């Protein structure tokens, strides 16, 4: 069963923050429902398109290009961490992974801001 503890968040935070800093993007890290590690992007030099949306981590390469794609792929790798595993088998309705990851661009009440 997927599980994210505050300790796991603390262990993965330096890698996540390094990616955010490298690409000059501001964001916050949180845990949702003890299952998902979430990064919410607040502002940065990269234009992701609509100012409020969730990033489908399975479709990064086909929906983003250039710097946005490189950033999101590095962020996804940092969110997964070294101990990530995914043994899901949707054909048999079997879901077993270390944790889920979510990347959100902006919030419903505060959209992502593109800075110069």
C-alpha atoms as a PDB file:
ATOM      1  CA  UNK A   1       0.000   0.000   0.000  1.00  0.00           C
ATOM      2  CA  UNK A   2       1.274   3.456  -0.907  1.00  0.00           C
ATOM      3  CA  UNK A   3       2.421   5.485   2.075  1.00  0.00           C
ATOM      4  CA  UNK A   4       4.212   8.807   2.532  1.00  0.00           C
ATOM      5  CA  UNK A   5       5.395   9.849   5.967  1.00  0.00           C
ATOM      6  CA  UNK A   6       6.645  13.242   7.062  1.00  0.00           C
ATOM      7  CA  UNK A   7      10.045  11.580   7.449  1.00  0.00           C
ATOM      8  CA  UNK A   8      10.008  10.487   3.791  1.00  0.00           C
ATOM      9  CA  UNK A   9       9.023  14.018   2.780  1.00  0.00           C
ATOM     10  CA  UNK A  10      11.935  15.392   4.806  1.00  0.00           C
ATOM     11  CA  UNK A  11      14.356  12.953   3.136  1.00  0.00           C
ATOM     12  CA  UNK A  12      13.215  13.802  -0.412  1.00  0.00           C
ATOM     13  CA  UNK A  13      12.865  17.580   0.140  1.00  0.00           C
ATOM     14  CA  UNK A  14      16.531  18.543  -0.507  1.00  0.00           C
ATOM     15  CA  UNK A  15      16.480  16.896  -3.958  1.00  0.00           C
ATOM     16  CA  UNK A  16      13.142  18.481  -4.821  1.00  0.00           C
ATOM     17  CA  UNK A  17      14.305  21.918  -3.649  1.00  0.00           C
ATOM     18  CA  UNK A  18      17.503  21.562  -5.700  1.00  0.00           C
ATOM     19  CA  UNK A  19      15.466  21.014  -8.882  1.00  0.00           C
ATOM     20  CA  UNK A  20      13.206  23.983  -8.056  1.00  0.00           C
ATOM     21  CA  UNK A  21      16.243  26.206  -7.453  1.00  0.00           C
ATOM     22  CA  UNK A  22      18.032  25.013 -10.615  1.00  0.00           C
ATOM     23  CA  UNK A  23      15.106  26.121 -12.786  1.00  0.00           C
ATOM     24  CA  UNK A  24      14.247  29.242 -10.729  1.00  0.00           C
ATOM     25  CA  UNK A  25      10.765  27.992  -9.778  1.00  0.00           C
ATOM     26  CA  UNK A  26       9.097  28.545  -6.419  1.00  0.00           C
ATOM     27  CA  UNK A  27       6.966  25.761  -5.002  1.00  0.00           C
ATOM     28  CA  UNK A  28       5.781  24.006  -1.871  1.00  0.00           C
ATOM     29  CA  UNK A  29       5.986  20.361  -0.826  1.00  0.00           C
ATOM     30  CA  UNK A  30       3.160  18.591   0.988  1.00  0.00           C
ATOM     31  CA  UNK A  31       1.707  15.172   1.737  1.00  0.00           C
ATOM     32  CA  UNK A  32      -1.870  14.330   0.700  1.00  0.00           C
ATOM     33  CA  UNK A  33      -3.847  11.548   2.379  1.00  0.00           C
ATOM     34  CA  UNK A  34      -0.635   9.846   3.587  1.00  0.00           C
ATOM     35  CA  UNK A  35      -0.305   8.414   0.047  1.00  0.00           C
ATOM     36  CA  UNK A  36       0.856  11.200  -2.263  1.00  0.00           C
ATOM     37  CA  UNK A  37       3.858  13.478  -2.240  1.00  0.00           C
ATOM     38  CA  UNK A  38       2.695  16.755  -3.782  1.00  0.00           C
ATOM     39  CA  UNK A  39       4.632  19.701  -5.207  1.00  0.00           C
ATOM     40  CA  UNK A  40       2.605  22.826  -5.947  1.00  0.00           C
ATOM     41  CA  UNK A  41       4.357  25.271  -8.266  1.00  0.00           C
ATOM     42  CA  UNK A  42       3.619  28.895  -7.335  1.00  0.00           C
ATOM     43  CA  UNK A  43       5.798  31.060  -9.591  1.00  0.00           C
ATOM     44  CA  UNK A  44       8.774  30.780 -11.883  1.00  0.00           C
ATOM     45  CA  UNK A  45      10.546  31.521 -15.122  1.00  0.00           C
ATOM     46  CA  UNK A  46       8.942  28.586 -16.989  1.00  0.00           C
ATOM     47  CA  UNK A  47       5.608  28.935 -18.797  1.00  0.00           C
ATOM     48  CA  UNK A  48       3.571  25.729 -18.405  1.00  0.00           C
ATOM     49  CA  UNK A  49       0.480  26.956 -20.261  1.00  0.00           C
ATOM     50  CA  UNK A  50      -2.720  27.375 -18.232  1.00  0.00           C
ATOM     51  CA  UNK A  51      -1.987  29.006 -14.876  1.00  0.00           C
ATOM     52  CA  UNK A  52      -3.844  26.376 -12.824  1.00  0.00           C
ATOM     53  CA  UNK A  53      -3.763  22.673 -13.670  1.00  0.00           C
ATOM     54  CA  UNK A  54      -2.486  19.284 -12.546  1.00  0.00           C
ATOM     55  CA  UNK A  55       0.400  17.739 -14.469  1.00  0.00           C
ATOM     56  CA  UNK A  56      -0.214  14.184 -15.680  1.00  0.00           C
ATOM     57  CA  UNK A  57       3.173  12.655 -14.881  1.00  0.00           C
ATOM     58  CA  UNK A  58       2.630   9.870 -17.435  1.00  0.00           C
ATOM     59  CA  UNK A  59       2.256  12.370 -20.297  1.00  0.00           C
ATOM     60  CA  UNK A  60       5.046  14.878 -19.582  1.00  0.00           C
ATOM     61  CA  UNK A  61       7.057  14.032 -22.700  1.00  0.00           C
ATOM     62  CA  UNK A  62       4.081  14.326 -25.058  1.00  0.00           C
ATOM     63  CA  UNK A  63       2.444  17.428 -23.535  1.00  0.00           C
ATOM     64  CA  UNK A  64       5.419  19.663 -22.706  1.00  0.00           C
ATOM     65  CA  UNK A  65       8.493  20.772 -24.621  1.00  0.00           C
ATOM     66  CA  UNK A  66      11.871  22.342 -23.989  1.00  0.00           C
ATOM     67  CA  UNK A  67      12.688  23.682 -20.563  1.00  0.00           C
ATOM     68  CA  UNK A  68       9.242  22.807 -19.136  1.00  0.00           C
ATOM     69  CA  UNK A  69       9.634  19.133 -20.116  1.00  0.00           C
ATOM     70  CA  UNK A  70      13.181  18.928 -18.741  1.00  0.00           C
ATOM     71  CA  UNK A  71      12.112  20.546 -15.456  1.00  0.00           C
ATOM     72  CA  UNK A  72       9.060  18.326 -14.981  1.00  0.00           C
ATOM     73  CA  UNK A  73      11.025  15.137 -15.723  1.00  0.00           C
ATOM     74  CA  UNK A  74      13.735  16.099 -13.211  1.00  0.00           C
ATOM     75  CA  UNK A  75      11.088  17.042 -10.645  1.00  0.00           C
ATOM     76  CA  UNK A  76       9.299  13.719 -11.182  1.00  0.00           C
ATOM     77  CA  UNK A  77      12.563  11.831 -10.611  1.00  0.00           C
ATOM     78  CA  UNK A  78      13.226  13.827  -7.426  1.00  0.00           C
ATOM     79  CA  UNK A  79       9.676  13.156  -6.166  1.00  0.00           C
ATOM     80  CA  UNK A  80      10.048   9.429  -6.734  1.00  0.00           C
ATOM     81  CA  UNK A  81      13.372   9.216  -4.894  1.00  0.00           C
ATOM     82  CA  UNK A  82      15.802   6.288  -4.803  1.00  0.00           C
ATOM     83  CA  UNK A  83      13.438   3.826  -3.066  1.00  0.00           C
ATOM     84  CA  UNK A  84      10.466   4.310  -5.419  1.00  0.00           C
ATOM     85  CA  UNK A  85       8.826   1.200  -6.831  1.00  0.00           C
ATOM     86  CA  UNK A  86       5.687   0.626  -8.871  1.00  0.00           C
ATOM     87  CA  UNK A  87       4.301  -2.901  -9.187  1.00  0.00           C
ATOM     88  CA  UNK A  88       0.837  -1.829 -10.373  1.00  0.00           C
ATOM     89  CA  UNK A  89      -1.142  -4.167 -12.618  1.00  0.00           C
ATOM     90  CA  UNK A  90      -4.365  -2.477 -13.642  1.00  0.00           C
ATOM     91  CA  UNK A  91      -5.472  -5.544 -15.632  1.00  0.00           C
ATOM     92  CA  UNK A  92      -5.940  -7.450 -12.377  1.00  0.00           C
ATOM     93  CA  UNK A  93      -6.873  -4.397 -10.314  1.00  0.00           C
ATOM     94  CA  UNK A  94      -3.678  -4.718  -8.274  1.00  0.00           C
ATOM     95  CA  UNK A  95      -2.006  -1.519  -7.129  1.00  0.00           C
ATOM     96  CA  UNK A  96       1.216  -1.716  -5.163  1.00  0.00           C
ATOM     97  CA  UNK A  97       3.711   1.126  -5.146  1.00  0.00           C
ATOM     98  CA  UNK A  98       5.849   2.981  -2.654  1.00  0.00           C
ATOM     99  CA  UNK A  99       3.888   6.239  -3.056  1.00  0.00           C
ATOM    100  CA  UNK A 100       2.010   8.400  -5.524  1.00  0.00           C
ATOM    101  CA  UNK A 101       3.305  11.732  -6.819  1.00  0.00           C
ATOM    102  CA  UNK A 102       1.392  14.853  -7.853  1.00  0.00           C
ATOM    103  CA  UNK A 103       2.637  18.008  -9.551  1.00  0.00           C
ATOM    104  CA  UNK A 104       0.240  20.937  -9.464  1.00  0.00           C
ATOM    105  CA  UNK A 105       0.681  24.199 -11.343  1.00  0.00           C
ATOM    106  CA  UNK A 106      -0.899  26.896  -9.163  1.00  0.00           C
ATOM    107  CA  UNK A 107      -3.838  26.550  -6.793  1.00  0.00           C
ATOM    108  CA  UNK A 108      -7.523  27.152  -7.367  1.00  0.00           C
ATOM    109  CA  UNK A 109      -7.349  30.454  -5.464  1.00  0.00           C
ATOM    110  CA  UNK A 110      -3.804  31.508  -6.479  1.00  0.00           C
ATOM    111  CA  UNK A 111      -2.725  30.752 -10.049  1.00  0.00           C
ATOM    112  CA  UNK A 112       0.860  30.121 -11.130  1.00  0.00           C
ATOM    113  CA  UNK A 113       2.705  33.321 -12.023  1.00  0.00           C
ATOM    114  CA  UNK A 114       5.288  33.447 -14.814  1.00  0.00           C
ATOM    115  CA  UNK A 115       8.181  35.688 -13.771  1.00  0.00           C
ATOM    116  CA  UNK A 116      10.828  37.191 -16.002  1.00  0.00           C
END
